[in-house]
Amino acid sequence: IKQLGGKTKVTDDGITVFPIEKKPTKSIVLPTFGDHRVTMVCSLLATKWPHLAVRDPSTVSKTFPMFYHMLAKLGHQFVPSN
């Protein structure tokens, strides 16, 4: 989130993500840290912001192997970056 210009606040039981003021205008490859949950969130952002790409999108296969197929059925084009 910070890489995108956003702010977060860590709490005892989670994390609060504050709205990002401006969409990125330069290309950014978002790290996913090998975590399928982070990969899915970053992938959703990448469907709306053409300058974003996701590193190691295959981590979604752990819990939701059809994730990108589902995005395509919803009309979202996602081009993974490795």
N, C-alpha and C. Protein backbone atom coordinates (compact mmCIF):
# COMPACT_ATOMS: atom_id res chain seq x y z
N ILE A 1 0.83 -1.18 0.00
CA ILE A 1 0.00 0.00 0.00
C ILE A 1 0.88 1.25 0.00
N LYS A 2 1.93 1.22 0.80
CA LYS A 2 2.83 2.38 0.84
C LYS A 2 3.48 2.60 -0.52
N GLN A 3 3.79 1.53 -1.22
CA GLN A 3 4.41 1.63 -2.54
C GLN A 3 3.48 2.34 -3.52
N LEU A 4 2.18 2.29 -3.25
CA LEU A 4 1.19 2.93 -4.11
C LEU A 4 0.86 4.36 -3.65
N GLY A 5 1.48 4.79 -2.56
CA GLY A 5 1.21 6.13 -2.04
C GLY A 5 0.12 6.16 -1.00
N GLY A 6 -0.27 4.99 -0.49
CA GLY A 6 -1.32 4.91 0.51
C GLY A 6 -0.76 4.82 1.92
N LYS A 7 -1.66 4.88 2.87
CA LYS A 7 -1.27 4.80 4.28
C LYS A 7 -2.03 3.67 4.96
N THR A 8 -1.38 3.09 5.95
CA THR A 8 -1.98 2.01 6.72
C THR A 8 -1.76 2.25 8.20
N LYS A 9 -2.57 1.59 9.00
CA LYS A 9 -2.41 1.63 10.45
C LYS A 9 -2.60 0.22 10.97
N VAL A 10 -1.60 -0.29 11.67
CA VAL A 10 -1.67 -1.63 12.24
C VAL A 10 -2.36 -1.53 13.60
N THR A 11 -3.33 -2.42 13.82
CA THR A 11 -4.03 -2.47 15.10
C THR A 11 -3.79 -3.83 15.75
N ASP A 12 -4.31 -4.03 16.93
CA ASP A 12 -4.12 -5.31 17.63
C ASP A 12 -4.70 -6.49 16.87
N ASP A 13 -5.78 -6.24 16.13
CA ASP A 13 -6.45 -7.35 15.46
C ASP A 13 -6.53 -7.21 13.94
N GLY A 14 -5.72 -6.34 13.37
CA GLY A 14 -5.76 -6.22 11.92
C GLY A 14 -5.00 -5.02 11.40
N ILE A 15 -5.43 -4.54 10.26
CA ILE A 15 -4.78 -3.40 9.62
C ILE A 15 -5.87 -2.54 8.97
N THR A 16 -5.73 -1.24 9.12
CA THR A 16 -6.64 -0.30 8.48
C THR A 16 -5.92 0.28 7.27
N VAL A 17 -6.57 0.25 6.12
CA VAL A 17 -6.00 0.80 4.90
C VAL A 17 -6.80 2.05 4.54
N PHE A 18 -6.10 3.16 4.42
CA PHE A 18 -6.75 4.42 4.09
C PHE A 18 -6.76 4.62 2.58
N PRO A 19 -7.75 5.31 2.05
CA PRO A 19 -7.85 5.50 0.60
C PRO A 19 -6.58 6.14 0.02
N ILE A 20 -6.26 5.72 -1.18
CA ILE A 20 -5.11 6.26 -1.90
C ILE A 20 -5.60 7.47 -2.67
N GLU A 21 -4.92 8.60 -2.45
CA GLU A 21 -5.36 9.87 -3.04
C GLU A 21 -5.29 9.88 -4.57
N LYS A 22 -4.17 9.43 -5.12
CA LYS A 22 -3.98 9.45 -6.57
C LYS A 22 -3.54 8.09 -7.06
N LYS A 23 -4.09 7.67 -8.18
CA LYS A 23 -3.66 6.41 -8.78
C LYS A 23 -2.24 6.56 -9.29
N PRO A 24 -1.46 5.48 -9.19
CA PRO A 24 -0.09 5.53 -9.72
C PRO A 24 -0.09 5.78 -11.23
N THR A 25 0.88 6.56 -11.68
CA THR A 25 1.00 6.83 -13.11
C THR A 25 2.24 6.17 -13.70
N LYS A 26 3.09 5.61 -12.86
CA LYS A 26 4.26 4.89 -13.35
C LYS A 26 4.07 3.40 -13.10
N SER A 27 4.79 2.59 -13.85
CA SER A 27 4.68 1.14 -13.71
C SER A 27 5.23 0.69 -12.36
N ILE A 28 4.48 -0.16 -11.70
CA ILE A 28 4.87 -0.70 -10.40
C ILE A 28 4.57 -2.19 -10.41
N VAL A 29 5.54 -2.99 -9.99
CA VAL A 29 5.32 -4.42 -9.80
C VAL A 29 5.17 -4.64 -8.31
N LEU A 30 3.99 -5.08 -7.91
CA LEU A 30 3.70 -5.25 -6.49
C LEU A 30 4.23 -6.59 -5.98
N PRO A 31 4.97 -6.58 -4.87
CA PRO A 31 5.42 -7.84 -4.29
C PRO A 31 4.26 -8.52 -3.59
N THR A 32 4.25 -9.84 -3.60
CA THR A 32 3.17 -10.58 -2.94
C THR A 32 3.67 -11.41 -1.77
N PHE A 33 4.98 -11.46 -1.59
CA PHE A 33 5.59 -12.14 -0.44
C PHE A 33 5.21 -13.61 -0.35
N GLY A 34 4.85 -14.20 -1.50
CA GLY A 34 4.47 -15.61 -1.51
C GLY A 34 3.17 -15.90 -0.80
N ASP A 35 2.37 -14.88 -0.54
CA ASP A 35 1.11 -15.03 0.21
C ASP A 35 -0.06 -14.91 -0.76
N HIS A 36 -0.87 -15.96 -0.84
CA HIS A 36 -1.99 -15.98 -1.78
C HIS A 36 -3.00 -14.88 -1.51
N ARG A 37 -3.16 -14.49 -0.26
CA ARG A 37 -4.12 -13.43 0.07
C ARG A 37 -3.64 -12.08 -0.44
N VAL A 38 -2.36 -11.81 -0.27
CA VAL A 38 -1.79 -10.57 -0.77
C VAL A 38 -1.84 -10.55 -2.30
N THR A 39 -1.57 -11.70 -2.91
CA THR A 39 -1.62 -11.79 -4.37
C THR A 39 -3.00 -11.46 -4.89
N MET A 40 -4.04 -11.97 -4.25
CA MET A 40 -5.40 -11.70 -4.71
C MET A 40 -5.76 -10.22 -4.57
N VAL A 41 -5.39 -9.61 -3.48
CA VAL A 41 -5.67 -8.18 -3.29
C VAL A 41 -4.92 -7.36 -4.33
N CYS A 42 -3.65 -7.63 -4.52
CA CYS A 42 -2.86 -6.89 -5.51
C CYS A 42 -3.40 -7.11 -6.92
N SER A 43 -3.85 -8.31 -7.21
CA SER A 43 -4.41 -8.60 -8.52
C SER A 43 -5.69 -7.82 -8.77
N LEU A 44 -6.51 -7.68 -7.75
CA LEU A 44 -7.73 -6.87 -7.89
C LEU A 44 -7.38 -5.41 -8.18
N LEU A 45 -6.39 -4.89 -7.49
CA LEU A 45 -5.95 -3.51 -7.77
C LEU A 45 -5.46 -3.39 -9.21
N ALA A 46 -4.73 -4.40 -9.66
CA ALA A 46 -4.16 -4.36 -11.01
C ALA A 46 -5.23 -4.40 -12.10
N THR A 47 -6.42 -4.90 -11.79
CA THR A 47 -7.48 -4.91 -12.80
C THR A 47 -8.01 -3.51 -13.06
N LYS A 48 -7.82 -2.61 -12.13
CA LYS A 48 -8.34 -1.24 -12.25
C LYS A 48 -7.26 -0.22 -12.59
N TRP A 49 -6.03 -0.54 -12.28
CA TRP A 49 -4.93 0.40 -12.50
C TRP A 49 -3.96 -0.21 -13.48
N PRO A 50 -3.96 0.25 -14.72
CA PRO A 50 -3.15 -0.39 -15.76
C PRO A 50 -1.64 -0.34 -15.54
N HIS A 51 -1.17 0.49 -14.65
CA HIS A 51 0.26 0.60 -14.41
C HIS A 51 0.77 -0.41 -13.37
N LEU A 52 -0.12 -1.21 -12.83
CA LEU A 52 0.27 -2.17 -11.80
C LEU A 52 0.42 -3.57 -12.38
N ALA A 53 1.39 -4.28 -11.85
CA ALA A 53 1.58 -5.69 -12.16
C ALA A 53 1.82 -6.41 -10.83
N VAL A 54 1.65 -7.71 -10.85
CA VAL A 54 1.78 -8.51 -9.62
C VAL A 54 2.89 -9.53 -9.80
N ARG A 55 3.81 -9.55 -8.85
CA ARG A 55 4.89 -10.52 -8.88
C ARG A 55 4.37 -11.85 -8.34
N ASP A 56 4.71 -12.93 -8.99
CA ASP A 56 4.39 -14.30 -8.57
C ASP A 56 2.88 -14.54 -8.38
N PRO A 57 2.08 -14.30 -9.43
CA PRO A 57 0.64 -14.49 -9.32
C PRO A 57 0.21 -15.95 -9.09
N SER A 58 1.12 -16.87 -9.31
CA SER A 58 0.75 -18.29 -9.16
C SER A 58 0.46 -18.68 -7.72
N THR A 59 0.76 -17.82 -6.76
CA THR A 59 0.49 -18.20 -5.36
C THR A 59 -0.99 -18.39 -5.08
N VAL A 60 -1.87 -17.85 -5.95
CA VAL A 60 -3.31 -18.03 -5.73
C VAL A 60 -3.73 -19.49 -5.89
N SER A 61 -2.91 -20.28 -6.54
CA SER A 61 -3.26 -21.69 -6.76
C SER A 61 -3.39 -22.46 -5.45
N LYS A 62 -2.84 -21.91 -4.38
CA LYS A 62 -2.91 -22.57 -3.08
C LYS A 62 -4.36 -22.70 -2.59
N THR A 63 -5.16 -21.64 -2.77
CA THR A 63 -6.51 -21.66 -2.24
C THR A 63 -7.60 -21.39 -3.29
N PHE A 64 -7.21 -20.82 -4.44
CA PHE A 64 -8.22 -20.42 -5.42
C PHE A 64 -7.61 -20.52 -6.81
N PRO A 65 -7.36 -21.75 -7.28
CA PRO A 65 -6.67 -21.93 -8.56
C PRO A 65 -7.40 -21.31 -9.75
N MET A 66 -8.69 -21.10 -9.65
CA MET A 66 -9.47 -20.52 -10.74
C MET A 66 -9.64 -19.00 -10.59
N PHE A 67 -8.86 -18.38 -9.72
CA PHE A 67 -9.01 -16.95 -9.43
C PHE A 67 -8.95 -16.09 -10.68
N TYR A 68 -7.95 -16.27 -11.53
CA TYR A 68 -7.80 -15.43 -12.72
C TYR A 68 -8.87 -15.75 -13.76
N HIS A 69 -9.30 -16.99 -13.80
CA HIS A 69 -10.41 -17.36 -14.68
C HIS A 69 -11.68 -16.63 -14.24
N MET A 70 -11.90 -16.57 -12.93
CA MET A 70 -13.07 -15.87 -12.40
C MET A 70 -13.00 -14.38 -12.73
N LEU A 71 -11.83 -13.79 -12.60
CA LEU A 71 -11.69 -12.38 -12.96
C LEU A 71 -12.02 -12.16 -14.42
N ALA A 72 -11.57 -13.05 -15.27
CA ALA A 72 -11.85 -12.93 -16.71
C ALA A 72 -13.35 -13.05 -16.98
N LYS A 73 -14.02 -13.95 -16.28
CA LYS A 73 -15.47 -14.10 -16.46
C LYS A 73 -16.21 -12.84 -16.02
N LEU A 74 -15.63 -12.09 -15.09
CA LEU A 74 -16.23 -10.84 -14.64
C LEU A 74 -15.87 -9.67 -15.56
N GLY A 75 -15.07 -9.96 -16.58
CA GLY A 75 -14.72 -8.93 -17.55
C GLY A 75 -13.44 -8.19 -17.27
N HIS A 76 -12.65 -8.70 -16.34
CA HIS A 76 -11.38 -8.04 -15.99
C HIS A 76 -10.22 -8.75 -16.69
N GLN A 77 -9.45 -7.97 -17.39
CA GLN A 77 -8.24 -8.54 -17.97
C GLN A 77 -7.11 -8.33 -16.98
N PHE A 78 -6.39 -9.39 -16.74
CA PHE A 78 -5.26 -9.33 -15.81
C PHE A 78 -4.07 -9.96 -16.50
N VAL A 79 -3.00 -9.21 -16.58
CA VAL A 79 -1.77 -9.72 -17.19
C VAL A 79 -0.73 -9.84 -16.09
N PRO A 80 -0.45 -11.06 -15.64
CA PRO A 80 0.52 -11.25 -14.57
C PRO A 80 1.93 -10.87 -14.99
N SER A 81 2.75 -10.51 -14.03
CA SER A 81 4.15 -10.20 -14.27
C SER A 81 4.99 -11.06 -13.34
N ASN A 82 6.03 -11.67 -13.87
CA ASN A 82 6.93 -12.49 -13.03
C ASN A 82 8.32 -11.91 -13.07
